Amino acid sequence: MGMLPDEVAPIRLMATVWADTSGLHDDLASREGLDAWLSEAGVGSEPSSAAELALARRLRDAVRRLAAQVTGDERQTAHSPTRELAAALGDLNDLVAHLPVPQLAFVDGALRETSSADSSAVVTALARLARESIALLGGPDAAKLRACYAPGCVLYFMKTHPRREWCSVTCGNRARAARHYEKVRSTR
């Protein structure tokens, strides 16, 4: 699909589920897909495990569910398998607890900042994404979060311009074409 490079990381994570004329696609269907996505997003380069893939999918599904809540999104295809709001909140809050906590240690005769990082690089990257998602969904930028209502689209975007209505130019063109087709059809 594409990373939506102009969007914030949580939106790029949500965009790992996308649709086109051949159906719904999942960029996190495999460990290789997760590794490629993390590398392209610039948040990881270490190979993931099956457990980390499951964690990434839970994070993505939780963020999508919470974005649907924030935007009032009722599109059936946009909903994730994590349908319960409480479960989505729990998944997001549980993952952010894996963030390394700065600590102070006495090393080689000097005080040095260290980290409580007992998580893998992949889990730490996912925890950082969880933290960014919390800031987006619970912060002032949540008011700019939108669901794309172009026909068949399942993506979210940040409304960065007052006239922006779709996640991409392609979706805008698809929506205009659908409106035109409906107008022509209704006049017949």
Protein backbone atom coordinates (compact mmCIF):
# COMPACT_ATOMS: atom_id res chain seq x y z
CA MET A 1 0.00 0.00 0.00
CA GLY A 2 2.34 2.75 1.08
CA MET A 3 3.31 4.29 4.36
CA LEU A 4 1.31 7.52 4.15
CA PRO A 5 4.61 9.30 4.86
CA ASP A 6 2.94 12.60 5.77
CA GLU A 7 0.88 11.00 8.54
CA VAL A 8 1.91 10.36 12.15
CA ALA A 9 3.13 6.89 13.13
CA PRO A 10 -0.17 5.69 14.71
CA ILE A 11 -2.02 6.47 11.47
CA ARG A 12 0.66 4.69 9.45
CA LEU A 13 0.23 1.70 11.79
CA MET A 14 -3.55 1.72 11.28
CA ALA A 15 -2.95 1.89 7.50
CA THR A 16 -1.38 -1.57 7.59
CA VAL A 17 -4.98 -2.68 6.98
CA TRP A 18 -6.09 -1.30 3.64
CA ALA A 19 -8.49 -2.03 0.83
CA ASP A 20 -8.49 -1.88 -2.93
CA THR A 21 -10.70 -3.32 -5.66
CA SER A 22 -9.47 -6.84 -4.91
CA GLY A 23 -10.44 -6.63 -1.22
CA LEU A 24 -9.02 -6.06 2.23
CA HIS A 25 -5.25 -6.43 2.77
CA ASP A 26 -3.12 -6.78 5.89
CA ASP A 27 0.53 -5.72 5.78
CA LEU A 28 1.04 -7.41 9.16
CA ALA A 29 -0.05 -10.85 7.98
CA SER A 30 3.43 -12.27 8.60
CA ARG A 31 6.58 -11.64 10.61
CA GLU A 32 8.28 -10.54 7.40
CA GLY A 33 5.50 -8.01 6.86
CA LEU A 34 5.98 -6.63 10.37
CA ASP A 35 9.76 -6.49 9.94
CA ALA A 36 9.38 -4.64 6.63
CA TRP A 37 6.86 -2.21 8.12
CA LEU A 38 9.02 -1.47 11.18
CA SER A 39 12.07 -0.96 8.97
CA GLU A 40 10.19 1.31 6.54
CA ALA A 41 8.70 3.26 9.45
CA GLY A 42 12.21 3.72 10.85
CA VAL A 43 11.30 2.23 14.23
CA GLY A 44 13.01 -1.14 14.11
CA SER A 45 15.48 -3.34 12.28
CA GLU A 46 15.55 -6.49 14.40
CA PRO A 47 13.69 -9.63 13.21
CA SER A 48 10.40 -10.12 15.03
CA SER A 49 9.06 -13.22 16.74
CA ALA A 50 5.60 -14.75 16.37
CA ALA A 51 4.66 -13.31 19.78
CA GLU A 52 5.80 -9.83 18.69
CA LEU A 53 3.74 -10.13 15.49
CA ALA A 54 0.69 -10.98 17.60
CA LEU A 55 1.47 -7.99 19.84
CA ALA A 56 1.80 -5.66 16.83
CA ARG A 57 -1.52 -6.85 15.43
CA ARG A 58 -3.21 -6.35 18.82
CA LEU A 59 -1.78 -2.83 19.01
CA ARG A 60 -2.90 -2.00 15.48
CA ASP A 61 -6.40 -3.41 16.07
CA ALA A 62 -6.71 -1.54 19.38
CA VAL A 63 -5.63 1.77 17.81
CA ARG A 64 -8.07 1.24 14.92
CA ARG A 65 -10.90 0.49 17.38
CA LEU A 66 -10.09 3.57 19.44
CA ALA A 67 -9.80 5.73 16.32
CA ALA A 68 -13.28 4.53 15.32
CA GLN A 69 -14.47 5.65 18.76
CA VAL A 70 -12.79 9.07 18.49
CA THR A 71 -14.08 9.74 14.96
CA GLY A 72 -17.55 8.22 15.38
CA ASP A 73 -16.63 5.91 12.51
CA GLU A 74 -19.41 3.45 11.76
CA ARG A 75 -17.91 1.86 8.62
CA GLN A 76 -18.28 -1.89 9.07
CA THR A 77 -15.07 -2.67 7.14
CA ALA A 78 -13.05 -0.23 9.25
CA HIS A 79 -13.69 -2.07 12.50
CA SER A 80 -10.98 -4.31 13.81
CA PRO A 81 -11.41 -7.70 15.44
CA THR A 82 -10.98 -5.90 18.79
CA ARG A 83 -14.57 -4.69 18.99
CA GLU A 84 -14.78 -4.03 22.70
CA LEU A 85 -13.66 -0.59 23.80
CA ALA A 86 -12.42 -1.88 27.17
CA ALA A 87 -10.29 -4.57 25.48
CA ALA A 88 -8.78 -2.00 23.10
CA LEU A 89 -7.95 0.34 25.99
CA GLY A 90 -6.43 -2.55 27.94
CA ASP A 91 -4.28 -3.67 25.01
CA LEU A 92 -2.95 -0.15 24.43
CA ASN A 93 -2.29 0.56 28.11
CA ASP A 94 -0.66 -2.83 28.67
CA LEU A 95 1.75 -2.31 25.79
CA VAL A 96 2.86 1.18 26.81
CA ALA A 97 4.03 -0.34 30.11
CA HIS A 98 6.91 -1.93 28.13
CA LEU A 99 8.54 1.47 27.55
CA PRO A 100 12.04 1.63 29.03
CA VAL A 101 12.18 3.76 32.15
CA PRO A 102 15.27 5.94 32.61
CA GLN A 103 17.32 4.96 35.64
CA LEU A 104 20.50 6.17 37.26
CA ALA A 105 23.37 3.75 37.89
CA PHE A 106 26.90 3.98 39.26
CA VAL A 107 29.12 2.55 36.50
CA ASP A 108 32.93 2.67 36.38
CA GLY A 109 33.11 5.26 39.14
CA ALA A 110 30.57 7.64 37.58
CA LEU A 111 26.82 8.17 37.54
CA ARG A 112 25.31 7.16 34.19
CA GLU A 113 21.81 7.16 32.85
CA THR A 114 20.68 3.66 31.98
CA SER A 115 17.38 2.12 31.07
CA SER A 116 15.11 -0.54 32.46
CA ALA A 117 14.88 -1.98 28.96
CA ASP A 118 14.24 -5.65 29.46
CA SER A 119 12.09 -5.81 26.35
CA SER A 120 13.26 -6.61 22.84
CA ALA A 121 13.86 -3.80 20.35
CA VAL A 122 10.62 -4.77 18.56
CA VAL A 123 8.52 -4.62 21.75
CA THR A 124 10.17 -1.32 22.69
CA ALA A 125 9.33 0.08 19.22
CA LEU A 126 5.73 -1.10 19.59
CA ALA A 127 5.54 0.43 23.08
CA ARG A 128 6.71 3.75 21.65
CA LEU A 129 4.00 3.47 18.98
CA ALA A 130 1.49 2.78 21.76
CA ARG A 131 2.67 5.94 23.56
CA GLU A 132 2.32 8.00 20.37
CA SER A 133 -1.14 6.51 19.86
CA ILE A 134 -2.18 7.51 23.38
CA ALA A 135 -0.95 11.06 22.73
CA LEU A 136 -2.87 11.20 19.44
CA LEU A 137 -6.13 9.62 20.61
CA GLY A 138 -6.25 11.32 24.01
CA GLY A 139 -4.65 14.65 23.13
CA PRO A 140 -5.68 17.80 21.29
CA ASP A 141 -4.86 16.29 17.86
CA ALA A 142 -7.69 13.77 18.30
CA ALA A 143 -10.03 16.51 17.02
CA LYS A 144 -8.17 16.39 13.67
CA LEU A 145 -8.45 12.61 13.28
CA ARG A 146 -10.86 11.57 10.52
CA ALA A 147 -12.11 8.39 8.89
CA CYS A 148 -11.88 8.39 5.09
CA TYR A 149 -15.38 7.90 3.68
CA ALA A 150 -14.33 7.34 0.08
CA PRO A 151 -16.02 4.23 -1.35
CA GLY A 152 -14.25 1.11 -0.08
CA CYS A 153 -11.63 2.92 2.00
CA VAL A 154 -10.82 1.76 5.55
CA LEU A 155 -8.13 4.33 6.40
CA TYR A 156 -7.85 7.22 8.84
CA PHE A 157 -6.04 10.54 8.36
CA MET A 158 -5.27 13.83 10.07
CA LYS A 159 -7.31 16.73 8.72
CA THR A 160 -4.39 19.07 8.07
CA HIS A 161 -6.33 21.43 5.81
CA PRO A 162 -9.88 22.73 6.26
CA ARG A 163 -10.94 21.36 2.86
CA ARG A 164 -9.34 17.93 3.23
CA GLU A 165 -11.99 15.20 3.19
CA TRP A 166 -10.08 12.05 2.18
CA CYS A 167 -6.93 10.18 3.11
CA SER A 168 -5.41 10.55 -0.36
CA VAL A 169 -5.87 12.08 -3.79
CA THR A 170 -6.86 8.63 -5.06
CA CYS A 171 -9.70 8.40 -2.55
CA GLY A 172 -10.81 11.94 -3.41
CA ASN A 173 -10.95 11.01 -7.08
CA ARG A 174 -12.84 7.81 -6.28
CA ALA A 175 -15.39 9.74 -4.18
CA ARG A 176 -15.90 12.36 -6.91
CA ALA A 177 -16.29 9.66 -9.56
CA ALA A 178 -18.85 7.84 -7.39
CA ARG A 179 -20.81 11.07 -6.87
CA HIS A 180 -20.74 11.79 -10.61
CA TYR A 181 -21.83 8.24 -11.45
CA GLU A 182 -24.72 8.46 -8.96
CA LYS A 183 -25.77 11.85 -10.35
CA VAL A 184 -25.77 10.56 -13.93
CA ARG A 185 -27.57 7.40 -12.89
CA SER A 186 -30.29 9.29 -11.01
CA THR A 187 -31.04 11.56 -13.98
CA ARG A 188 -31.75 8.57 -16.26
